[in-house]
Protein backbone atom coordinates (compact mmCIF):
# COMPACT_ATOMS: atom_id res chain seq x y z
CA UNK A 1 172.50 29.58 -153.01
CA UNK A 2 169.07 28.00 -152.44
CA UNK A 3 168.07 26.45 -149.15
CA UNK A 4 168.33 22.84 -150.45
CA UNK A 5 171.79 23.64 -151.87
CA UNK A 6 172.89 25.22 -148.60
CA UNK A 7 171.65 22.20 -146.64
CA UNK A 8 173.36 19.79 -149.04
CA UNK A 9 176.60 21.74 -148.75
CA UNK A 10 176.52 21.67 -144.95
CA UNK A 11 175.64 17.99 -144.87
CA UNK A 12 178.53 17.21 -147.21
CA UNK A 13 180.91 19.01 -144.84
CA UNK A 14 180.02 16.66 -141.98
CA UNK A 15 182.24 13.66 -141.20
CA UNK A 16 181.11 10.57 -143.08
CA UNK A 17 180.17 8.72 -139.90
CA UNK A 18 177.90 11.57 -138.81
CA UNK A 19 176.17 11.65 -142.20
CA UNK A 20 175.76 7.89 -142.08
CA UNK A 21 174.05 7.87 -138.70
CA UNK A 22 172.12 11.15 -138.97
CA UNK A 23 168.75 9.43 -139.54
CA UNK A 24 168.97 6.98 -136.63
CA UNK A 25 171.29 8.25 -133.91
CA UNK A 26 170.68 11.03 -131.45
CA UNK A 27 174.39 11.71 -130.97
CA UNK A 28 174.92 12.15 -134.72
CA UNK A 29 172.04 14.61 -134.97
CA UNK A 30 173.24 16.56 -131.95
CA UNK A 31 176.76 16.78 -133.35
CA UNK A 32 175.55 17.79 -136.82
CA UNK A 33 173.24 20.53 -135.61
CA UNK A 34 175.17 21.94 -132.64
CA UNK A 35 176.90 24.62 -134.70
CA UNK A 36 174.42 24.87 -137.56
CA UNK A 37 171.02 26.52 -137.09
CA UNK A 38 170.27 25.64 -140.72
CA UNK A 39 170.77 21.92 -140.25
CA UNK A 40 168.81 22.06 -137.01
CA UNK A 41 165.88 23.56 -138.91
CA UNK A 42 166.17 20.87 -141.59
CA UNK A 43 166.42 17.96 -139.15
CA UNK A 44 163.87 18.96 -136.49
CA UNK A 45 161.57 21.62 -137.94
CA UNK A 46 161.45 20.70 -141.60
CA UNK A 47 157.66 21.01 -141.68
CA UNK A 48 158.02 24.76 -141.10
CA UNK A 49 160.23 25.09 -144.20
CA UNK A 50 157.80 23.50 -146.67
CA UNK A 51 155.53 25.52 -148.92
CA UNK A 52 151.95 24.61 -149.84
CA UNK A 53 153.23 22.19 -152.49
CA UNK A 54 155.43 20.40 -149.97
CA UNK A 55 158.69 21.81 -151.34
CA UNK A 56 161.45 23.15 -149.09
CA UNK A 57 162.18 26.68 -150.22
CA UNK A 58 163.74 29.77 -148.71
CA UNK A 59 165.08 33.21 -149.45
CA UNK A 60 168.47 34.84 -148.99
CA UNK A 61 167.03 36.38 -145.85
CA UNK A 62 166.52 32.92 -144.29
CA UNK A 63 170.05 31.79 -145.14
CA UNK A 64 171.53 35.00 -143.76
CA UNK A 65 169.54 34.99 -140.52
CA UNK A 66 170.54 31.35 -139.89
CA UNK A 67 174.18 32.25 -140.50
CA UNK A 68 173.80 35.26 -138.21
CA UNK A 69 172.38 33.17 -135.34
CA UNK A 70 175.63 31.20 -135.13
CA UNK A 71 177.01 34.31 -133.40
CA UNK A 72 174.84 33.41 -130.42
CA UNK A 73 177.23 30.57 -129.53
CA UNK A 74 179.77 33.09 -128.20
CA UNK A 75 179.11 35.38 -125.25
CA UNK A 76 178.88 39.14 -125.75
CA UNK A 77 182.29 40.41 -124.71
CA UNK A 78 181.66 44.15 -125.05
CA UNK A 79 178.42 45.57 -123.69
CA UNK A 80 175.89 46.77 -126.26
CA UNK A 81 177.74 45.53 -129.35
CA UNK A 82 175.70 42.53 -130.55
CA UNK A 83 172.57 44.24 -131.88
CA UNK A 84 171.20 43.47 -135.32
CA UNK A 85 168.09 44.59 -137.20
CA UNK A 86 166.62 42.59 -140.11
CA UNK A 87 164.08 44.32 -142.33
CA UNK A 88 162.35 42.13 -144.91
CA UNK A 89 159.00 41.99 -146.74
CA UNK A 90 155.81 41.07 -144.96
CA UNK A 91 155.18 37.33 -145.18
CA UNK A 92 158.89 36.52 -145.40
CA UNK A 93 158.87 34.14 -142.43
CA UNK A 94 160.59 36.43 -139.95
CA UNK A 95 158.52 35.20 -137.01
CA UNK A 96 159.00 31.53 -137.90
CA UNK A 97 162.75 31.88 -137.81
CA UNK A 98 163.20 34.39 -134.99
CA UNK A 99 160.47 33.28 -132.58
CA UNK A 100 160.69 29.54 -133.23
CA UNK A 101 163.51 27.95 -135.24
CA UNK A 102 166.51 29.93 -134.01
CA UNK A 103 165.53 30.17 -130.30
CA UNK A 104 164.72 26.44 -130.37
CA UNK A 105 168.18 25.66 -131.76
CA UNK A 106 169.87 27.88 -129.16
CA UNK A 107 167.81 26.34 -126.34
CA UNK A 108 168.35 22.74 -127.43
CA UNK A 109 172.13 23.06 -127.52
CA UNK A 110 172.48 25.31 -124.50
CA UNK A 111 173.78 28.30 -126.46
CA UNK A 112 171.17 30.49 -124.75
CA UNK A 113 169.58 30.12 -121.33
CA UNK A 114 166.97 32.86 -121.31
CA UNK A 115 165.15 34.32 -124.31
CA UNK A 116 162.97 37.43 -123.88
CA UNK A 117 160.79 37.84 -126.98
CA UNK A 118 158.69 40.93 -127.68
CA UNK A 119 155.92 41.71 -130.15
CA UNK A 120 153.77 44.82 -130.42
CA UNK A 121 151.05 43.29 -128.22
CA UNK A 122 150.90 40.72 -125.43
CA UNK A 123 148.50 38.33 -127.27
CA UNK A 124 150.73 38.34 -130.37
CA UNK A 125 153.80 37.45 -128.30
CA UNK A 126 151.87 34.78 -126.41
CA UNK A 127 150.79 33.18 -129.69
CA UNK A 128 154.44 32.83 -130.68
CA UNK A 129 155.21 31.21 -127.33
CA UNK A 130 152.26 28.86 -127.84
CA UNK A 131 153.75 27.73 -131.17
CA UNK A 132 157.11 27.19 -129.47
CA UNK A 133 155.52 25.15 -126.67
CA UNK A 134 153.50 23.11 -129.17
CA UNK A 135 156.72 21.88 -130.79
CA UNK A 136 158.12 20.91 -127.39
CA UNK A 137 155.00 18.89 -126.62
CA UNK A 138 154.36 17.24 -130.01
CA UNK A 139 157.58 17.07 -132.02
CA UNK A 140 158.59 13.43 -131.52
CA UNK A 141 162.15 13.74 -132.81
CA UNK A 142 162.78 16.85 -130.74
CA UNK A 143 161.39 15.11 -127.64
CA UNK A 144 163.57 12.05 -128.26
CA UNK A 145 166.80 14.00 -128.69
CA UNK A 146 166.26 16.83 -126.17
CA UNK A 147 163.98 15.43 -123.45
CA UNK A 148 165.03 17.95 -120.79
CA UNK A 149 164.17 20.85 -123.08
CA UNK A 150 160.79 19.36 -123.89
CA UNK A 151 159.66 18.91 -120.28
CA UNK A 152 158.78 21.82 -117.96
CA UNK A 153 160.90 22.38 -114.89
CA UNK A 154 159.26 21.08 -111.69
CA UNK A 155 159.48 22.26 -108.14
CA UNK A 156 160.37 19.85 -105.34
CA UNK A 157 156.69 19.03 -104.75
CA UNK A 158 155.97 18.42 -108.43
CA UNK A 159 154.42 21.72 -109.50
CA UNK A 160 155.81 23.43 -112.61
CA UNK A 161 158.14 26.37 -112.06
CA UNK A 162 156.64 28.35 -114.92
CA UNK A 163 154.70 27.04 -117.89
CA UNK A 164 152.03 29.55 -118.78
CA UNK A 165 150.97 31.94 -121.53
CA UNK A 166 153.74 34.48 -120.96
CA UNK A 167 156.63 32.33 -119.81
CA UNK A 168 157.92 28.79 -119.70
CA UNK A 169 160.94 27.35 -117.88
CA UNK A 170 162.14 23.95 -119.03
CA UNK A 171 163.80 21.08 -117.17
CA UNK A 172 167.20 21.94 -118.70
CA UNK A 173 166.93 25.43 -117.17
CA UNK A 174 166.01 27.25 -120.39
CA UNK A 175 163.44 30.06 -120.04
CA UNK A 176 161.35 31.64 -122.79
CA UNK A 177 159.43 34.80 -121.84
CA UNK A 178 156.98 36.45 -124.27
CA UNK A 179 155.72 39.98 -123.75
CA UNK A 180 154.06 42.87 -125.48
CA UNK A 181 156.66 45.60 -125.84
CA UNK A 182 154.74 48.02 -123.61
CA UNK A 183 154.35 45.57 -120.72
CA UNK A 184 156.46 46.17 -117.62
CA UNK A 185 159.82 44.46 -118.15
CA UNK A 186 162.36 46.36 -116.06
CA UNK A 187 164.24 43.98 -113.84
CA UNK A 188 163.12 40.90 -115.82
CA UNK A 189 165.03 37.89 -114.54
CA UNK A 190 164.64 34.29 -113.42
CA UNK A 191 166.44 33.63 -110.15
CA UNK A 192 169.71 35.48 -110.81
CA UNK A 193 169.63 35.17 -114.59
CA UNK A 194 168.70 37.92 -117.01
CA UNK A 195 167.83 37.31 -120.67
CA UNK A 196 170.89 36.57 -122.78
CA UNK A 197 168.89 36.83 -126.03
CA UNK A 198 166.35 39.59 -126.74
CA UNK A 199 164.13 39.12 -129.80
CA UNK A 200 161.91 41.92 -131.08
CA UNK A 201 159.63 40.99 -133.96
CA UNK A 202 157.07 43.36 -135.51
CA UNK A 203 156.97 45.59 -132.43
CA UNK A 204 155.04 48.32 -134.28
CA UNK A 205 151.26 47.99 -134.81
CA UNK A 206 149.36 48.66 -138.02
CA UNK A 207 149.23 52.24 -139.24
CA UNK A 208 145.55 52.62 -138.33
CA UNK A 209 146.48 52.20 -134.65
CA UNK A 210 149.78 54.07 -134.77
CA UNK A 211 150.96 57.67 -134.96
CA UNK A 212 154.26 59.48 -135.03
CA UNK A 213 153.70 60.50 -131.41
CA UNK A 214 153.37 56.81 -130.53
CA UNK A 215 156.49 56.05 -132.57
CA UNK A 216 158.43 58.29 -130.20
CA UNK A 217 156.98 56.57 -127.15
CA UNK A 218 157.70 53.09 -128.53
CA UNK A 219 161.24 54.04 -129.42
CA UNK A 220 161.64 55.33 -125.87
CA UNK A 221 160.42 51.97 -124.56
CA UNK A 222 162.94 50.15 -126.74
CA UNK A 223 165.87 52.32 -125.69
CA UNK A 224 164.99 52.92 -122.05
CA UNK A 225 163.26 49.70 -120.99
CA UNK A 226 164.06 46.80 -123.34
CA UNK A 227 167.74 47.19 -124.19
CA UNK A 228 168.80 47.85 -120.57
CA UNK A 229 167.34 44.47 -119.48
CA UNK A 230 170.80 43.08 -120.21
CA UNK A 231 173.42 45.15 -122.02
CA UNK A 232 175.40 41.96 -122.70
CA UNK A 233 172.57 40.14 -124.44
CA UNK A 234 172.40 39.41 -128.14
CA UNK A 235 169.60 41.59 -129.54
CA UNK A 236 167.81 40.95 -132.81
CA UNK A 237 165.07 43.24 -134.12
CA UNK A 238 163.04 42.23 -137.17
CA UNK A 239 160.10 43.86 -138.83
CA UNK A 240 158.29 45.43 -141.74
CA UNK A 241 157.40 49.11 -141.96
CA UNK A 242 153.94 50.11 -140.82
CA UNK A 243 154.25 53.91 -140.95
CA UNK A 244 156.55 56.47 -142.53
CA UNK A 245 158.90 57.70 -139.83
CA UNK A 246 158.41 54.59 -137.71
CA UNK A 247 161.21 52.65 -136.05
CA UNK A 248 161.66 50.18 -138.92
CA UNK A 249 161.43 52.97 -141.49
CA UNK A 250 164.14 54.89 -139.62
CA UNK A 251 166.37 51.81 -139.80
CA UNK A 252 165.90 51.62 -143.58
CA UNK A 253 166.51 55.32 -144.15
CA UNK A 254 169.66 55.13 -142.04
CA UNK A 255 170.96 52.09 -143.88
CA UNK A 256 170.33 53.71 -147.28
CA UNK A 257 171.80 57.04 -146.23
CA UNK A 258 168.50 58.85 -146.69
CA UNK A 259 168.55 60.46 -143.26
CA UNK A 260 171.73 62.43 -143.87
CA UNK A 261 170.01 65.70 -142.96
CA UNK A 262 168.02 64.31 -140.01
CA UNK A 263 169.87 61.19 -138.88
CA UNK A 264 168.33 58.64 -136.55
CA UNK A 265 171.22 58.96 -134.14
CA UNK A 266 169.94 56.21 -131.85
CA UNK A 267 170.84 53.57 -134.45
CA UNK A 268 174.54 54.33 -134.31
CA UNK A 269 174.45 55.15 -130.60
CA UNK A 270 172.96 51.74 -129.79
CA UNK A 271 175.29 50.00 -132.32
CA UNK A 272 172.57 48.39 -134.43
CA UNK A 273 173.70 46.70 -137.64
CA UNK A 274 170.95 46.94 -140.25
CA UNK A 275 170.27 44.18 -142.81
CA UNK A 276 167.79 45.22 -145.50
CA UNK A 277 166.02 42.88 -147.93
CA UNK A 278 163.69 44.45 -150.52
CA UNK A 279 161.39 42.07 -152.37
CA UNK A 280 163.18 42.86 -155.64
CA UNK A 281 166.93 42.51 -155.31
CA UNK A 282 169.65 43.59 -157.74
CA UNK A 283 172.71 41.48 -158.54
CA UNK A 284 176.25 42.63 -159.29
CA UNK A 285 175.40 43.08 -163.00
CA UNK A 286 172.46 45.33 -162.18
CA UNK A 287 169.86 42.69 -163.04
CA UNK A 288 166.79 42.35 -160.85
CA UNK A 289 165.58 39.14 -159.22
CA UNK A 290 163.03 38.11 -156.60
CA UNK A 291 164.19 37.78 -153.01
CA UNK A 292 162.10 34.61 -152.68
CA UNK A 293 161.27 33.37 -156.20
CA UNK A 294 159.51 30.25 -154.95
CA UNK A 295 156.95 32.47 -153.22
CA UNK A 296 156.94 35.63 -155.36
CA UNK A 297 157.93 35.46 -159.01
CA UNK A 298 159.66 38.50 -160.42
CA UNK A 299 156.78 38.98 -162.86
CA UNK A 300 154.31 39.07 -159.98
CA UNK A 301 156.40 41.59 -158.03
CA UNK A 302 156.77 43.79 -161.11
CA UNK A 303 153.00 43.72 -161.62
CA UNK A 304 152.36 45.23 -158.16
CA UNK A 305 155.47 47.35 -157.89
CA UNK A 306 153.58 50.58 -158.60
CA UNK A 307 151.21 50.16 -155.65
CA UNK A 308 151.51 51.79 -152.25
CA UNK A 309 150.99 48.43 -150.60
CA UNK A 310 154.12 47.13 -152.35
CA UNK A 311 156.10 50.20 -151.29
CA UNK A 312 155.22 49.69 -147.63
CA UNK A 313 154.92 45.92 -147.24
CA UNK A 314 157.41 44.58 -149.78
CA UNK A 315 159.96 47.37 -150.20
CA UNK A 316 159.67 48.84 -146.68
CA UNK A 317 159.53 52.34 -148.22
CA UNK A 318 156.09 53.59 -147.11
CA UNK A 319 154.23 56.43 -148.79
CA UNK A 320 150.99 58.17 -147.86
CA UNK A 321 148.19 55.61 -147.64
CA UNK A 322 145.40 57.83 -148.92
CA UNK A 323 146.90 58.26 -152.38
CA UNK A 324 146.34 62.04 -152.30
CA UNK A 325 149.95 63.14 -152.52
CA UNK A 326 153.32 62.25 -154.07
CA UNK A 327 154.54 59.01 -155.56
CA UNK A 328 157.98 58.38 -157.11
CA UNK A 329 156.52 59.08 -160.54
CA UNK A 330 155.70 62.67 -159.47
CA UNK A 331 159.32 63.49 -158.63
CA UNK A 332 160.66 63.96 -162.14
CA UNK A 333 164.39 64.61 -162.44
CA UNK A 334 165.61 67.52 -164.55
CA UNK A 335 168.84 65.97 -165.77
CA UNK A 336 171.13 68.64 -167.30
CA UNK A 337 168.36 71.19 -167.85
CA UNK A 338 169.99 74.61 -167.22
CA UNK A 339 168.49 77.27 -164.96
CA UNK A 340 168.88 81.03 -164.84
CA UNK A 341 168.20 83.08 -161.72
CA UNK A 342 167.82 81.27 -158.41
CA UNK A 343 165.95 81.70 -155.15
CA UNK A 344 166.76 80.44 -151.64
CA UNK A 345 163.55 79.60 -149.76
CA UNK A 346 163.42 79.07 -146.00
CA UNK A 347 160.74 77.66 -143.71
CA UNK A 348 162.50 78.46 -140.43
CA UNK A 349 162.01 77.00 -136.98
CA UNK A 350 161.98 79.44 -134.10
CA UNK A 351 163.96 77.13 -131.79
CA UNK A 352 166.75 74.62 -132.31
CA UNK A 353 166.04 72.03 -129.62
CA UNK A 354 165.91 68.31 -130.39
CA UNK A 355 162.10 68.38 -130.22
CA UNK A 356 161.58 71.44 -132.43
CA UNK A 357 160.82 71.46 -136.12
CA UNK A 358 163.64 71.64 -138.60
CA UNK A 359 164.34 74.66 -140.72
CA UNK A 360 163.48 73.58 -144.25
CA UNK A 361 165.61 75.12 -146.98
CA UNK A 362 165.64 74.87 -150.76
CA UNK A 363 167.43 76.47 -153.67
CA UNK A 364 165.17 76.73 -156.72
CA UNK A 365 166.26 77.62 -160.24
CA UNK A 366 164.10 79.13 -162.98
CA UNK A 367 163.83 77.65 -166.47
CA UNK A 368 162.30 80.31 -168.76
CA UNK A 369 159.48 79.44 -171.13
CA UNK A 370 160.39 78.62 -174.73
CA UNK A 371 158.53 79.72 -177.84
CA UNK A 372 158.47 79.12 -181.58
CA UNK A 373 157.85 82.01 -183.98
CA UNK A 374 156.01 81.25 -187.19
CA UNK A 375 156.46 82.96 -190.58
CA UNK A 376 153.92 85.62 -189.61
CA UNK A 377 155.81 86.56 -186.48
CA UNK A 378 153.39 84.91 -184.07
CA UNK A 379 154.86 83.18 -181.02
CA UNK A 380 153.68 79.75 -179.90
CA UNK A 381 154.44 78.44 -176.40
CA UNK A 382 156.51 75.24 -176.53
CA UNK A 383 157.34 74.76 -172.84
CA UNK A 384 156.05 76.89 -169.96
CA UNK A 385 158.19 78.44 -167.26
CA UNK A 386 159.46 75.72 -164.96
CA UNK A 387 161.25 75.48 -161.63
CA UNK A 388 164.09 73.09 -160.85
CA UNK A 389 164.63 72.13 -157.21
CA UNK A 390 168.42 72.38 -157.13
CA UNK A 391 169.16 71.57 -153.48
CA UNK A 392 167.17 70.89 -150.30
CA UNK A 393 168.12 70.70 -146.62
CA UNK A 394 166.81 69.87 -143.18
CA UNK A 395 168.62 72.27 -140.82
CA UNK A 396 168.73 72.29 -137.05
CA UNK A 397 170.44 75.48 -135.94
CA UNK A 398 169.77 78.54 -133.84
CA UNK A 399 167.40 80.91 -135.66
CA UNK A 400 169.66 83.91 -135.18
CA UNK A 401 173.27 84.43 -136.14
CA UNK A 402 173.89 80.76 -136.93
CA UNK A 403 171.12 80.70 -139.54
CA UNK A 404 172.26 84.06 -140.94
CA UNK A 405 175.83 82.76 -141.37
CA UNK A 406 174.51 79.66 -143.13
CA UNK A 407 172.46 81.81 -145.54
CA UNK A 408 175.47 84.02 -146.30
CA UNK A 409 177.55 80.93 -147.02
CA UNK A 410 174.98 79.69 -149.55
CA UNK A 411 174.84 83.09 -151.24
CA UNK A 412 178.64 83.17 -151.50
CA UNK A 413 178.71 79.66 -152.98
CA UNK A 414 175.97 80.39 -155.53
CA UNK A 415 176.04 83.97 -156.91
CA UNK A 416 173.01 83.19 -159.11
CA UNK A 417 170.75 83.38 -156.01
CA UNK A 418 169.04 86.77 -156.16
CA UNK A 419 166.20 86.30 -153.65
CA UNK A 420 166.00 84.92 -150.11
CA UNK A 421 162.38 84.05 -149.34
CA UNK A 422 161.35 83.42 -145.71
CA UNK A 423 158.01 82.14 -144.41
CA UNK A 424 156.97 84.27 -141.43
CA UNK A 425 154.22 82.14 -139.90
CA UNK A 426 156.72 81.42 -137.14
CA UNK A 427 158.70 84.38 -135.87
CA UNK A 428 156.74 87.11 -137.60
CA UNK A 429 158.76 89.93 -139.14
CA UNK A 430 161.82 89.17 -137.00
CA UNK A 431 163.46 87.54 -140.01
CA UNK A 432 164.00 90.91 -141.65
CA UNK A 433 166.19 91.73 -138.65
CA UNK A 434 167.94 88.36 -138.51
CA UNK A 435 168.80 88.33 -142.20
CA UNK A 436 170.12 91.87 -142.38
CA UNK A 437 172.69 93.27 -144.78
CA UNK A 438 172.49 90.61 -147.48
CA UNK A 439 174.98 90.97 -150.34
CA UNK A 440 174.26 93.57 -153.05
CA UNK A 441 171.77 92.34 -155.60
CA UNK A 442 170.05 89.91 -153.19
CA UNK A 443 166.54 90.78 -152.03
CA UNK A 444 164.95 89.54 -148.82
CA UNK A 445 161.28 88.63 -149.22
CA UNK A 446 158.80 87.19 -146.72
CA UNK A 447 155.56 85.30 -147.16
CA UNK A 448 152.83 84.63 -144.59
CA UNK A 449 150.68 81.60 -145.40
CA UNK A 450 146.94 81.68 -144.77
CA UNK A 451 145.88 78.43 -146.43
CA UNK A 452 145.95 74.98 -144.77
CA UNK A 453 149.14 73.03 -145.27
CA UNK A 454 147.33 70.25 -147.16
CA UNK A 455 145.94 72.72 -149.72
CA UNK A 456 149.39 74.16 -150.40
CA UNK A 457 150.86 70.66 -150.65
CA UNK A 458 148.19 69.61 -153.15
CA UNK A 459 148.97 72.66 -155.29
CA UNK A 460 152.68 71.87 -155.27
CA UNK A 461 151.91 68.25 -156.12
CA UNK A 462 149.85 69.37 -159.13
CA UNK A 463 152.80 71.45 -160.35
CA UNK A 464 155.07 68.40 -159.98
CA UNK A 465 152.64 66.21 -161.89
CA UNK A 466 152.43 68.77 -164.72
CA UNK A 467 156.25 68.81 -164.87
CA UNK A 468 156.28 72.48 -163.88
CA UNK A 469 158.51 71.46 -160.94
CA UNK A 470 161.52 69.24 -161.64
CA UNK A 471 164.33 67.94 -159.41
CA UNK A 472 168.10 67.98 -159.71
CA UNK A 473 168.86 64.45 -158.61
CA UNK A 474 166.99 62.63 -155.83
CA UNK A 475 166.75 65.55 -153.36
CA UNK A 476 166.30 63.16 -150.45
CA UNK A 477 165.19 65.73 -147.83
CA UNK A 478 162.22 66.69 -150.01
CA UNK A 479 161.61 63.16 -151.29
CA UNK A 480 161.50 61.69 -147.78
CA UNK A 481 158.87 64.20 -146.65
CA UNK A 482 156.84 64.12 -149.87
CA UNK A 483 156.46 60.35 -150.16
CA UNK A 484 155.25 60.15 -146.57
CA UNK A 485 153.06 63.28 -146.52
CA UNK A 486 150.81 63.87 -144.61
CA UNK A 487 151.99 61.09 -142.24
CA UNK A 488 155.44 62.53 -141.73
CA UNK A 489 157.13 63.96 -138.65
CA UNK A 490 158.41 66.98 -140.60
CA UNK A 491 157.17 68.85 -143.67
CA UNK A 492 159.41 71.94 -143.52
CA UNK A 493 161.16 71.23 -146.82
CA UNK A 494 157.79 70.79 -148.56
CA UNK A 495 156.80 74.22 -147.23
CA UNK A 496 160.08 75.80 -148.34
CA UNK A 497 159.80 74.36 -151.85
CA UNK A 498 156.11 75.26 -152.10
CA UNK A 499 156.66 78.87 -151.10
CA UNK A 500 159.53 79.21 -153.56
CA UNK A 501 157.63 77.64 -156.42
CA UNK A 502 154.69 79.99 -155.89
CA UNK A 503 157.02 82.98 -155.85
CA UNK A 504 158.63 81.94 -159.14
CA UNK A 505 155.65 80.68 -161.16
CA UNK A 506 152.58 80.87 -158.90
CA UNK A 507 151.13 83.96 -160.57
CA UNK A 508 151.10 82.09 -163.87
CA UNK A 509 148.96 79.29 -162.45
CA UNK A 510 145.18 79.27 -162.64
CA UNK A 511 144.74 78.56 -158.93
CA UNK A 512 146.30 81.28 -156.81
CA UNK A 513 147.40 80.77 -153.18
CA UNK A 514 146.06 83.34 -150.75
CA UNK A 515 149.33 83.96 -148.92
CA UNK A 516 150.56 87.55 -148.79
CA UNK A 517 154.08 88.44 -149.85
CA UNK A 518 156.21 91.40 -148.81
CA UNK A 519 159.60 92.49 -150.15
CA UNK A 520 162.53 94.08 -148.37
CA UNK A 521 165.38 95.59 -150.37
CA UNK A 522 168.69 94.57 -148.85
């Protein structure tokens, strides 16, 4: 349903007398908009809904977020349960709705008394508050219908209680506080009131000023400083990805089930509901359409769909910004292509704490080269030897008996595995002791890497691009790392796959890695 259709439908549902007097009576407008954020936007803030041509347009995201805000009319009964995250393309109007339209509706009708709004920096948050205050000072219809909201609260001697860059308190008692997310906020309250609505919009900076280390710190601020302000507040977080592995990216991966091997446990622990809107949506028949066709035609979106900017800013699925490593097109799926002997490759961590690296693991299958023989008995190469990445894992387990038991379970489940390959850059030759007494016919081999990680990744990428390395299905643990490399928190699966590929076909490649390999007969 389009925005005009949704507005028309809601107007039609109003009593006839309310519809009749909507243009000229304050009471009719108050009654019509009290329970409808959408009608409030149409009646009082229509100028923020118009496009450059003067048309009122919107996306499914806008309709859904307006419907969602109606939940703010009821108090939070169970602590920490009303937390929602909306992820939508850049330029989708998230700030207009979440920093202006919806808080204004809640403030005008008394549904919320104290909004704490956060952006990634103080000046950005203050700009949003300035826009909010500008409507209170200059919107004539809003001032006529909600005069106590539109005037600042005064002290007994006439001075304003608070009406400054970071905070404003209005005559009806409503407070709007705007902060950068890293500003001190513990204990935030006005008199005895704490925020009953917490809004977080684009709390992550651009990638150039952000790192995975800073992601961890910002997530800590969110969990340890922002959410505890009031555990019975409605919380809404909205944003667009700025970096692979960032907070918003974690929300997307969790929603799509792509973090099955390394789940962002904080999302479930903090009870966030995730609402994801890619720029190109798919209907029930499998047909694609634009999330906001009035702004982005489907043809336009298709024309830029191959770019990294689209992946990050429109699809919220960021890949490496420098273009040096993998794209989706490089991860070619093998389909039903059969494999012969298999290899289990491990890039093990030496500890299993929450802050340690994962153990990357991969099962690789060999596809022998094929030849044609002519009438003179000469063989011609048709397809070279290839490797199929059968399965990949992120593992977090103790590097001793627990890992050994896991390896034995994989060998029992797949008798075609004849080699276990372990990278020894961490842990040295201890792995020959850990992985002792492998089943008959299975060899333990180790490899110590001497080349930089980026060089080895580039070599593996080249093999993928030449279709020497194929994938059985999506292989999300590898895909997640590869599309973000080198800006990824973990690259252990890339290392495991790369070591295994070199073992199986590396000697047939023109460019040879300089790692040394040793074999141990089980």
